[in-house]
Amino acid sequence: MKWGRGLFRLWFVATAAWLLFIGWVAYETWPVSPPAAPTPWQHYSAENLARLAAHDRSVRSALHFLAFGGLLPPAIALLLGVAGRWIVRGFSK
């Protein structure tokens, strides 16, 4: 039996499922729409700038969620698997 190949395939399928789940969560929680475009005399109002900044922060946080929540757990799982294989091979003759 080829444990390494089987575990890698398991990791690959679990990563694909994880990325689909993260994509679905991001789709459901993505910021709906940017604030309405201001008229020329409202462009620099404090209220309008605050709405634009809040929308930018929400988009930025959604992108951080996608990047770190989607890629970091599979990368950690792969590194733990490689480290475990390295440790187990250290005990063999």
PDB file of N, CA and C in Angstrom:
ATOM      1  N   MET A   1       0.835  -1.180   0.000  1.00  0.00           N
ATOM      2  CA  MET A   1       0.000   0.000   0.000  1.00  0.00           C
ATOM      3  C   MET A   1       0.885   1.251   0.000  1.00  0.00           C
ATOM      4  N   LYS A   2       0.497   2.231  -0.764  1.00  0.00           N
ATOM      5  CA  LYS A   2       1.266   3.476  -0.879  1.00  0.00           C
ATOM      6  C   LYS A   2       0.601   4.552  -0.029  1.00  0.00           C
ATOM      7  N   TRP A   3       1.038   4.666   1.206  1.00  0.00           N
ATOM      8  CA  TRP A   3       0.438   5.620   2.135  1.00  0.00           C
ATOM      9  C   TRP A   3       0.675   7.061   1.697  1.00  0.00           C
ATOM     10  N   GLY A   4       1.878   7.349   1.225  1.00  0.00           N
ATOM     11  CA  GLY A   4       2.200   8.720   0.825  1.00  0.00           C
ATOM     12  C   GLY A   4       1.301   9.213  -0.297  1.00  0.00           C
ATOM     13  N   ARG A   5       1.114   8.392  -1.323  1.00  0.00           N
ATOM     14  CA  ARG A   5       0.277   8.772  -2.449  1.00  0.00           C
ATOM     15  C   ARG A   5      -1.183   8.919  -2.022  1.00  0.00           C
ATOM     16  N   GLY A   6      -1.650   7.997  -1.203  1.00  0.00           N
ATOM     17  CA  GLY A   6      -3.039   8.056  -0.740  1.00  0.00           C
ATOM     18  C   GLY A   6      -3.307   9.271   0.134  1.00  0.00           C
ATOM     19  N   LEU A   7      -2.382   9.585   1.036  1.00  0.00           N
ATOM     20  CA  LEU A   7      -2.565  10.755   1.894  1.00  0.00           C
ATOM     21  C   LEU A   7      -2.473  12.056   1.104  1.00  0.00           C
ATOM     22  N   PHE A   8      -1.605  12.077   0.083  1.00  0.00           N
ATOM     23  CA  PHE A   8      -1.535  13.270  -0.753  1.00  0.00           C
ATOM     24  C   PHE A   8      -2.840  13.465  -1.519  1.00  0.00           C
ATOM     25  N   ARG A   9      -3.413  12.399  -2.022  1.00  0.00           N
ATOM     26  CA  ARG A   9      -4.698  12.506  -2.722  1.00  0.00           C
ATOM     27  C   ARG A   9      -5.802  12.948  -1.771  1.00  0.00           C
ATOM     28  N   LEU A  10      -5.765  12.434  -0.540  1.00  0.00           N
ATOM     29  CA  LEU A  10      -6.731  12.872   0.465  1.00  0.00           C
ATOM     30  C   LEU A  10      -6.578  14.362   0.732  1.00  0.00           C
ATOM     31  N   TRP A  11      -5.338  14.826   0.871  1.00  0.00           N
ATOM     32  CA  TRP A  11      -5.084  16.249   1.090  1.00  0.00           C
ATOM     33  C   TRP A  11      -5.596  17.069  -0.093  1.00  0.00           C
ATOM     34  N   PHE A  12      -5.364  16.597  -1.303  1.00  0.00           N
ATOM     35  CA  PHE A  12      -5.788  17.314  -2.499  1.00  0.00           C
ATOM     36  C   PHE A  12      -7.310  17.459  -2.548  1.00  0.00           C
ATOM     37  N   VAL A  13      -8.027  16.379  -2.280  1.00  0.00           N
ATOM     38  CA  VAL A  13      -9.493  16.421  -2.300  1.00  0.00           C
ATOM     39  C   VAL A  13     -10.018  17.296  -1.159  1.00  0.00           C
ATOM     40  N   ALA A  14      -9.420  17.186   0.024  1.00  0.00           N
ATOM     41  CA  ALA A  14      -9.849  18.011   1.155  1.00  0.00           C
ATOM     42  C   ALA A  14      -9.574  19.490   0.877  1.00  0.00           C
ATOM     43  N   THR A  15      -8.459  19.800   0.228  1.00  0.00           N
ATOM     44  CA  THR A  15      -8.149  21.184  -0.118  1.00  0.00           C
ATOM     45  C   THR A  15      -9.155  21.730  -1.127  1.00  0.00           C
ATOM     46  N   ALA A  16      -9.506  20.920  -2.125  1.00  0.00           N
ATOM     47  CA  ALA A  16     -10.502  21.361  -3.106  1.00  0.00           C
ATOM     48  C   ALA A  16     -11.846  21.630  -2.425  1.00  0.00           C
ATOM     49  N   ALA A  17     -12.256  20.743  -1.524  1.00  0.00           N
ATOM     50  CA  ALA A  17     -13.514  20.952  -0.801  1.00  0.00           C
ATOM     51  C   ALA A  17     -13.431  22.197   0.079  1.00  0.00           C
ATOM     52  N   TRP A  18     -12.292  22.404   0.724  1.00  0.00           N
ATOM     53  CA  TRP A  18     -12.101  23.570   1.580  1.00  0.00           C
ATOM     54  C   TRP A  18     -12.195  24.862   0.764  1.00  0.00           C
ATOM     55  N   LEU A  19     -11.545  24.892  -0.404  1.00  0.00           N
ATOM     56  CA  LEU A  19     -11.581  26.086  -1.237  1.00  0.00           C
ATOM     57  C   LEU A  19     -12.985  26.356  -1.768  1.00  0.00           C
ATOM     58  N   LEU A  20     -13.725  25.307  -2.084  1.00  0.00           N
ATOM     59  CA  LEU A  20     -15.121  25.501  -2.491  1.00  0.00           C
ATOM     60  C   LEU A  20     -15.942  26.085  -1.350  1.00  0.00           C
ATOM     61  N   PHE A  21     -15.730  25.581  -0.143  1.00  0.00           N
ATOM     62  CA  PHE A  21     -16.444  26.099   1.027  1.00  0.00           C
ATOM     63  C   PHE A  21     -16.090  27.565   1.283  1.00  0.00           C
ATOM     64  N   ILE A  22     -14.807  27.895   1.232  1.00  0.00           N
ATOM     65  CA  ILE A  22     -14.371  29.273   1.462  1.00  0.00           C
ATOM     66  C   ILE A  22     -14.936  30.187   0.377  1.00  0.00           C
ATOM     67  N   GLY A  23     -14.949  29.715  -0.853  1.00  0.00           N
ATOM     68  CA  GLY A  23     -15.526  30.508  -1.934  1.00  0.00           C
ATOM     69  C   GLY A  23     -17.008  30.762  -1.732  1.00  0.00           C
ATOM     70  N   TRP A  24     -17.722  29.754  -1.263  1.00  0.00           N
ATOM     71  CA  TRP A  24     -19.153  29.917  -1.004  1.00  0.00           C
ATOM     72  C   TRP A  24     -19.386  30.914   0.125  1.00  0.00           C
ATOM     73  N   VAL A  25     -18.616  30.798   1.206  1.00  0.00           N
ATOM     74  CA  VAL A  25     -18.758  31.732   2.333  1.00  0.00           C
ATOM     75  C   VAL A  25     -18.433  33.153   1.873  1.00  0.00           C
ATOM     76  N   ALA A  26     -17.389  33.310   1.071  1.00  0.00           N
ATOM     77  CA  ALA A  26     -17.029  34.637   0.584  1.00  0.00           C
ATOM     78  C   ALA A  26     -18.116  35.193  -0.324  1.00  0.00           C
ATOM     79  N   TYR A  27     -18.707  34.344  -1.147  1.00  0.00           N
ATOM     80  CA  TYR A  27     -19.787  34.791  -2.032  1.00  0.00           C
ATOM     81  C   TYR A  27     -20.996  35.262  -1.216  1.00  0.00           C
ATOM     82  N   GLU A  28     -21.307  34.541  -0.160  1.00  0.00           N
ATOM     83  CA  GLU A  28     -22.467  34.893   0.665  1.00  0.00           C
ATOM     84  C   GLU A  28     -22.232  36.147   1.502  1.00  0.00           C
ATOM     85  N   THR A  29     -20.987  36.433   1.860  1.00  0.00           N
ATOM     86  CA  THR A  29     -20.704  37.558   2.748  1.00  0.00           C
ATOM     87  C   THR A  29     -20.009  38.710   2.051  1.00  0.00           C
ATOM     88  N   TRP A  30     -19.856  38.660   0.723  1.00  0.00           N
ATOM     89  CA  TRP A  30     -19.162  39.721  -0.001  1.00  0.00           C
ATOM     90  C   TRP A  30     -19.933  41.025   0.133  1.00  0.00           C
ATOM     91  N   PRO A  31     -19.227  42.138   0.298  1.00  0.00           N
ATOM     92  CA  PRO A  31     -19.909  43.432   0.387  1.00  0.00           C
ATOM     93  C   PRO A  31     -20.783  43.656  -0.852  1.00  0.00           C
ATOM     94  N   VAL A  32     -22.028  44.019  -0.622  1.00  0.00           N
ATOM     95  CA  VAL A  32     -23.030  44.025  -1.677  1.00  0.00           C
ATOM     96  C   VAL A  32     -22.696  45.014  -2.789  1.00  0.00           C
ATOM     97  N   SER A  33     -22.600  46.261  -2.487  1.00  0.00           N
ATOM     98  CA  SER A  33     -22.329  47.239  -3.533  1.00  0.00           C
ATOM     99  C   SER A  33     -21.643  48.442  -2.910  1.00  0.00           C
ATOM    100  N   PRO A  34     -20.879  49.153  -3.707  1.00  0.00           N
ATOM    101  CA  PRO A  34     -20.261  50.369  -3.173  1.00  0.00           C
ATOM    102  C   PRO A  34     -21.316  51.440  -2.934  1.00  0.00           C
ATOM    103  N   PRO A  35     -20.999  52.402  -2.127  1.00  0.00           N
ATOM    104  CA  PRO A  35     -21.950  53.493  -1.911  1.00  0.00           C
ATOM    105  C   PRO A  35     -22.239  54.228  -3.212  1.00  0.00           C
ATOM    106  N   ALA A  36     -23.355  54.890  -3.240  1.00  0.00           N
ATOM    107  CA  ALA A  36     -23.748  55.634  -4.440  1.00  0.00           C
ATOM    108  C   ALA A  36     -22.714  56.709  -4.754  1.00  0.00           C
ATOM    109  N   ALA A  37     -22.521  56.944  -6.021  1.00  0.00           N
ATOM    110  CA  ALA A  37     -21.566  57.959  -6.444  1.00  0.00           C
ATOM    111  C   ALA A  37     -22.049  59.332  -5.987  1.00  0.00           C
ATOM    112  N   PRO A  38     -21.167  60.094  -5.402  1.00  0.00           N
ATOM    113  CA  PRO A  38     -21.586  61.408  -4.902  1.00  0.00           C
ATOM    114  C   PRO A  38     -21.729  62.415  -6.037  1.00  0.00           C
ATOM    115  N   THR A  39     -22.548  63.399  -5.777  1.00  0.00           N
ATOM    116  CA  THR A  39     -22.630  64.515  -6.717  1.00  0.00           C
ATOM    117  C   THR A  39     -21.367  65.351  -6.544  1.00  0.00           C
ATOM    118  N   PRO A  40     -21.031  66.187  -7.504  1.00  0.00           N
ATOM    119  CA  PRO A  40     -19.756  66.926  -7.417  1.00  0.00           C
ATOM    120  C   PRO A  40     -19.600  67.753  -6.147  1.00  0.00           C
ATOM    121  N   TRP A  41     -20.663  68.322  -5.615  1.00  0.00           N
ATOM    122  CA  TRP A  41     -20.516  69.148  -4.417  1.00  0.00           C
ATOM    123  C   TRP A  41     -20.506  68.317  -3.130  1.00  0.00           C
ATOM    124  N   GLN A  42     -20.798  67.011  -3.222  1.00  0.00           N
ATOM    125  CA  GLN A  42     -20.733  66.150  -2.045  1.00  0.00           C
ATOM    126  C   GLN A  42     -19.442  65.332  -2.011  1.00  0.00           C
ATOM    127  N   HIS A  43     -18.619  65.459  -3.018  1.00  0.00           N
ATOM    128  CA  HIS A  43     -17.479  64.559  -3.189  1.00  0.00           C
ATOM    129  C   HIS A  43     -16.558  64.521  -1.974  1.00  0.00           C
ATOM    130  N   TYR A  44     -16.270  65.645  -1.383  1.00  0.00           N
ATOM    131  CA  TYR A  44     -15.338  65.687  -0.273  1.00  0.00           C
ATOM    132  C   TYR A  44     -16.015  65.834   1.082  1.00  0.00           C
ATOM    133  N   SER A  45     -17.272  65.495   1.160  1.00  0.00           N
ATOM    134  CA  SER A  45     -17.933  65.590   2.457  1.00  0.00           C
ATOM    135  C   SER A  45     -17.428  64.487   3.372  1.00  0.00           C
ATOM    136  N   ALA A  46     -17.446  64.742   4.648  1.00  0.00           N
ATOM    137  CA  ALA A  46     -16.945  63.770   5.624  1.00  0.00           C
ATOM    138  C   ALA A  46     -17.794  62.501   5.616  1.00  0.00           C
ATOM    139  N   GLU A  47     -19.098  62.659   5.443  1.00  0.00           N
ATOM    140  CA  GLU A  47     -19.993  61.494   5.441  1.00  0.00           C
ATOM    141  C   GLU A  47     -19.697  60.583   4.245  1.00  0.00           C
ATOM    142  N   ASN A  48     -19.497  61.183   3.082  1.00  0.00           N
ATOM    143  CA  ASN A  48     -19.222  60.395   1.886  1.00  0.00           C
ATOM    144  C   ASN A  48     -17.860  59.696   1.993  1.00  0.00           C
ATOM    145  N   LEU A  49     -16.865  60.397   2.477  1.00  0.00           N
ATOM    146  CA  LEU A  49     -15.546  59.782   2.642  1.00  0.00           C
ATOM    147  C   LEU A  49     -15.597  58.640   3.657  1.00  0.00           C
ATOM    148  N   ALA A  50     -16.396  58.787   4.703  1.00  0.00           N
ATOM    149  CA  ALA A  50     -16.531  57.722   5.694  1.00  0.00           C
ATOM    150  C   ALA A  50     -17.201  56.494   5.082  1.00  0.00           C
ATOM    151  N   ARG A  51     -18.239  56.694   4.240  1.00  0.00           N
ATOM    152  CA  ARG A  51     -18.893  55.551   3.585  1.00  0.00           C
ATOM    153  C   ARG A  51     -17.940  54.837   2.631  1.00  0.00           C
ATOM    154  N   LEU A  52     -17.175  55.604   1.856  1.00  0.00           N
ATOM    155  CA  LEU A  52     -16.208  54.994   0.938  1.00  0.00           C
ATOM    156  C   LEU A  52     -15.132  54.227   1.691  1.00  0.00           C
ATOM    157  N   ALA A  53     -14.646  54.790   2.786  1.00  0.00           N
ATOM    158  CA  ALA A  53     -13.620  54.116   3.579  1.00  0.00           C
ATOM    159  C   ALA A  53     -14.160  52.836   4.205  1.00  0.00           C
ATOM    160  N   ALA A  54     -15.404  52.865   4.674  1.00  0.00           N
ATOM    161  CA  ALA A  54     -16.002  51.662   5.266  1.00  0.00           C
ATOM    162  C   ALA A  54     -16.166  50.579   4.206  1.00  0.00           C
ATOM    163  N   HIS A  55     -16.555  50.954   3.003  1.00  0.00           N
ATOM    164  CA  HIS A  55     -16.693  49.957   1.933  1.00  0.00           C
ATOM    165  C   HIS A  55     -15.326  49.386   1.562  1.00  0.00           C
ATOM    166  N   ASP A  56     -14.303  50.225   1.477  1.00  0.00           N
ATOM    167  CA  ASP A  56     -12.961  49.738   1.169  1.00  0.00           C
ATOM    168  C   ASP A  56     -12.463  48.772   2.237  1.00  0.00           C
ATOM    169  N   ARG A  57     -12.744  49.083   3.512  1.00  0.00           N
ATOM    170  CA  ARG A  57     -12.332  48.187   4.593  1.00  0.00           C
ATOM    171  C   ARG A  57     -13.058  46.857   4.509  1.00  0.00           C
ATOM    172  N   SER A  58     -14.336  46.863   4.145  1.00  0.00           N
ATOM    173  CA  SER A  58     -15.079  45.611   4.076  1.00  0.00           C
ATOM    174  C   SER A  58     -14.590  44.752   2.907  1.00  0.00           C
ATOM    175  N   VAL A  59     -14.268  45.371   1.789  1.00  0.00           N
ATOM    176  CA  VAL A  59     -13.716  44.611   0.661  1.00  0.00           C
ATOM    177  C   VAL A  59     -12.344  44.064   1.027  1.00  0.00           C
ATOM    178  N   ARG A  60     -11.522  44.875   1.666  1.00  0.00           N
ATOM    179  CA  ARG A  60     -10.190  44.440   2.066  1.00  0.00           C
ATOM    180  C   ARG A  60     -10.260  43.278   3.055  1.00  0.00           C
ATOM    181  N   SER A  61     -11.188  43.333   4.002  1.00  0.00           N
ATOM    182  CA  SER A  61     -11.305  42.241   4.969  1.00  0.00           C
ATOM    183  C   SER A  61     -11.811  40.968   4.290  1.00  0.00           C
ATOM    184  N   ALA A  62     -12.684  41.104   3.293  1.00  0.00           N
ATOM    185  CA  ALA A  62     -13.143  39.926   2.554  1.00  0.00           C
ATOM    186  C   ALA A  62     -11.997  39.303   1.777  1.00  0.00           C
ATOM    187  N   LEU A  63     -11.139  40.121   1.177  1.00  0.00           N
ATOM    188  CA  LEU A  63      -9.988  39.583   0.453  1.00  0.00           C
ATOM    189  C   LEU A  63      -8.975  38.930   1.387  1.00  0.00           C
ATOM    190  N   HIS A  64      -8.785  39.512   2.571  1.00  0.00           N
ATOM    191  CA  HIS A  64      -7.908  38.872   3.558  1.00  0.00           C
ATOM    192  C   HIS A  64      -8.476  37.526   3.985  1.00  0.00           C
ATOM    193  N   PHE A  65      -9.786  37.463   4.173  1.00  0.00           N
ATOM    194  CA  PHE A  65     -10.424  36.200   4.540  1.00  0.00           C
ATOM    195  C   PHE A  65     -10.181  35.151   3.460  1.00  0.00           C
ATOM    196  N   LEU A  66     -10.330  35.543   2.197  1.00  0.00           N
ATOM    197  CA  LEU A  66     -10.097  34.605   1.100  1.00  0.00           C
ATOM    198  C   LEU A  66      -8.647  34.147   1.063  1.00  0.00           C
ATOM    199  N   ALA A  67      -7.725  35.083   1.211  1.00  0.00           N
ATOM    200  CA  ALA A  67      -6.314  34.733   1.094  1.00  0.00           C
ATOM    201  C   ALA A  67      -5.844  33.871   2.266  1.00  0.00           C
ATOM    202  N   PHE A  68      -6.104  34.327   3.475  1.00  0.00           N
ATOM    203  CA  PHE A  68      -5.582  33.609   4.632  1.00  0.00           C
ATOM    204  C   PHE A  68      -6.463  32.441   5.041  1.00  0.00           C
ATOM    205  N   GLY A  69      -7.766  32.622   4.993  1.00  0.00           N
ATOM    206  CA  GLY A  69      -8.668  31.532   5.369  1.00  0.00           C
ATOM    207  C   GLY A  69      -8.723  30.426   4.346  1.00  0.00           C
ATOM    208  N   GLY A  70      -8.466  30.763   3.090  1.00  0.00           N
ATOM    209  CA  GLY A  70      -8.526  29.759   2.043  1.00  0.00           C
ATOM    210  C   GLY A  70      -7.227  29.033   1.809  1.00  0.00           C
ATOM    211  N   LEU A  71      -6.116  29.708   1.939  1.00  0.00           N
ATOM    212  CA  LEU A  71      -4.838  29.098   1.581  1.00  0.00           C
ATOM    213  C   LEU A  71      -3.996  28.645   2.772  1.00  0.00           C
ATOM    214  N   LEU A  72      -4.124  29.301   3.883  1.00  0.00           N
ATOM    215  CA  LEU A  72      -3.277  28.962   5.027  1.00  0.00           C
ATOM    216  C   LEU A  72      -3.579  27.587   5.630  1.00  0.00           C
ATOM    217  N   PRO A  73      -4.835  27.204   5.895  1.00  0.00           N
ATOM    218  CA  PRO A  73      -5.075  25.868   6.459  1.00  0.00           C
ATOM    219  C   PRO A  73      -4.600  24.709   5.572  1.00  0.00           C
ATOM    220  N   PRO A  74      -4.836  24.713   4.247  1.00  0.00           N
ATOM    221  CA  PRO A  74      -4.280  23.620   3.445  1.00  0.00           C
ATOM    222  C   PRO A  74      -2.749  23.605   3.428  1.00  0.00           C
ATOM    223  N   ALA A  75      -2.132  24.780   3.428  1.00  0.00           N
ATOM    224  CA  ALA A  75      -0.669  24.830   3.448  1.00  0.00           C
ATOM    225  C   ALA A  75      -0.125  24.268   4.757  1.00  0.00           C
ATOM    226  N   ILE A  76      -0.763  24.591   5.865  1.00  0.00           N
ATOM    227  CA  ILE A  76      -0.332  24.057   7.160  1.00  0.00           C
ATOM    228  C   ILE A  76      -0.524  22.546   7.195  1.00  0.00           C
ATOM    229  N   ALA A  77      -1.647  22.055   6.672  1.00  0.00           N
ATOM    230  CA  ALA A  77      -1.888  20.608   6.645  1.00  0.00           C
ATOM    231  C   ALA A  77      -0.839  19.896   5.798  1.00  0.00           C
ATOM    232  N   LEU A  78      -0.476  20.485   4.659  1.00  0.00           N
ATOM    233  CA  LEU A  78       0.552  19.877   3.811  1.00  0.00           C
ATOM    234  C   LEU A  78       1.902  19.857   4.522  1.00  0.00           C
ATOM    235  N   LEU A  79       2.259  20.948   5.170  1.00  0.00           N
ATOM    236  CA  LEU A  79       3.531  20.996   5.893  1.00  0.00           C
ATOM    237  C   LEU A  79       3.560  20.003   7.049  1.00  0.00           C
ATOM    238  N   LEU A  80       2.440  19.860   7.758  1.00  0.00           N
ATOM    239  CA  LEU A  80       2.389  18.871   8.841  1.00  0.00           C
ATOM    240  C   LEU A  80       2.514  17.454   8.290  1.00  0.00           C
ATOM    241  N   GLY A  81       1.905  17.180   7.142  1.00  0.00           N
ATOM    242  CA  GLY A  81       2.026  15.865   6.530  1.00  0.00           C
ATOM    243  C   GLY A  81       3.442  15.560   6.090  1.00  0.00           C
ATOM    244  N   VAL A  82       4.096  16.532   5.478  1.00  0.00           N
ATOM    245  CA  VAL A  82       5.486  16.343   5.052  1.00  0.00           C
ATOM    246  C   VAL A  82       6.382  16.164   6.265  1.00  0.00           C
ATOM    247  N   ALA A  83       6.164  16.938   7.307  1.00  0.00           N
ATOM    248  CA  ALA A  83       6.975  16.797   8.528  1.00  0.00           C
ATOM    249  C   ALA A  83       6.738  15.452   9.186  1.00  0.00           C
ATOM    250  N   GLY A  84       5.482  14.987   9.210  1.00  0.00           N
ATOM    251  CA  GLY A  84       5.200  13.668   9.787  1.00  0.00           C
ATOM    252  C   GLY A  84       5.862  12.556   9.003  1.00  0.00           C
ATOM    253  N   ARG A  85       5.842  12.660   7.686  1.00  0.00           N
ATOM    254  CA  ARG A  85       6.509  11.645   6.857  1.00  0.00           C
ATOM    255  C   ARG A  85       8.013  11.660   7.111  1.00  0.00           C
ATOM    256  N   TRP A  86       8.592  12.823   7.235  1.00  0.00           N
ATOM    257  CA  TRP A  86      10.022  12.946   7.518  1.00  0.00           C
ATOM    258  C   TRP A  86      10.375  12.331   8.864  1.00  0.00           C
ATOM    259  N   ILE A  87       9.519  12.555   9.864  1.00  0.00           N
ATOM    260  CA  ILE A  87       9.759  11.997  11.196  1.00  0.00           C
ATOM    261  C   ILE A  87       9.651  10.472  11.163  1.00  0.00           C
ATOM    262  N   VAL A  88       8.611   9.939  10.512  1.00  0.00           N
ATOM    263  CA  VAL A  88       8.426   8.488  10.466  1.00  0.00           C
ATOM    264  C   VAL A  88       9.573   7.828   9.716  1.00  0.00           C
ATOM    265  N   ARG A  89      10.036   8.438   8.634  1.00  0.00           N
ATOM    266  CA  ARG A  89      11.167   7.871   7.893  1.00  0.00           C
ATOM    267  C   ARG A  89      12.462   7.902   8.704  1.00  0.00           C
ATOM    268  N   GLY A  90      12.533   8.799   9.654  1.00  0.00           N
ATOM    269  CA  GLY A  90      13.717   8.851  10.507  1.00  0.00           C
ATOM    270  C   GLY A  90      13.839   7.646  11.421  1.00  0.00           C
ATOM    271  N   PHE A  91      12.727   6.946  11.712  1.00  0.00           N
ATOM    272  CA  PHE A  91      12.755   5.785  12.594  1.00  0.00           C
ATOM    273  C   PHE A  91      12.989   4.483  11.822  1.00  0.00           C
ATOM    274  N   SER A  92      12.895   4.514  10.499  1.00  0.00           N
ATOM    275  CA  SER A  92      13.080   3.267   9.733  1.00  0.00           C
ATOM    276  C   SER A  92      14.570   3.035   9.505  1.00  0.00           C
ATOM    277  N   LYS A  93      14.885   1.755   9.194  1.00  0.00           N
ATOM    278  CA  LYS A  93      16.296   1.396   8.989  1.00  0.00           C
ATOM    279  C   LYS A  93      16.795   1.863   7.667  1.00  0.00           C
TER     280      LYS A  93
END
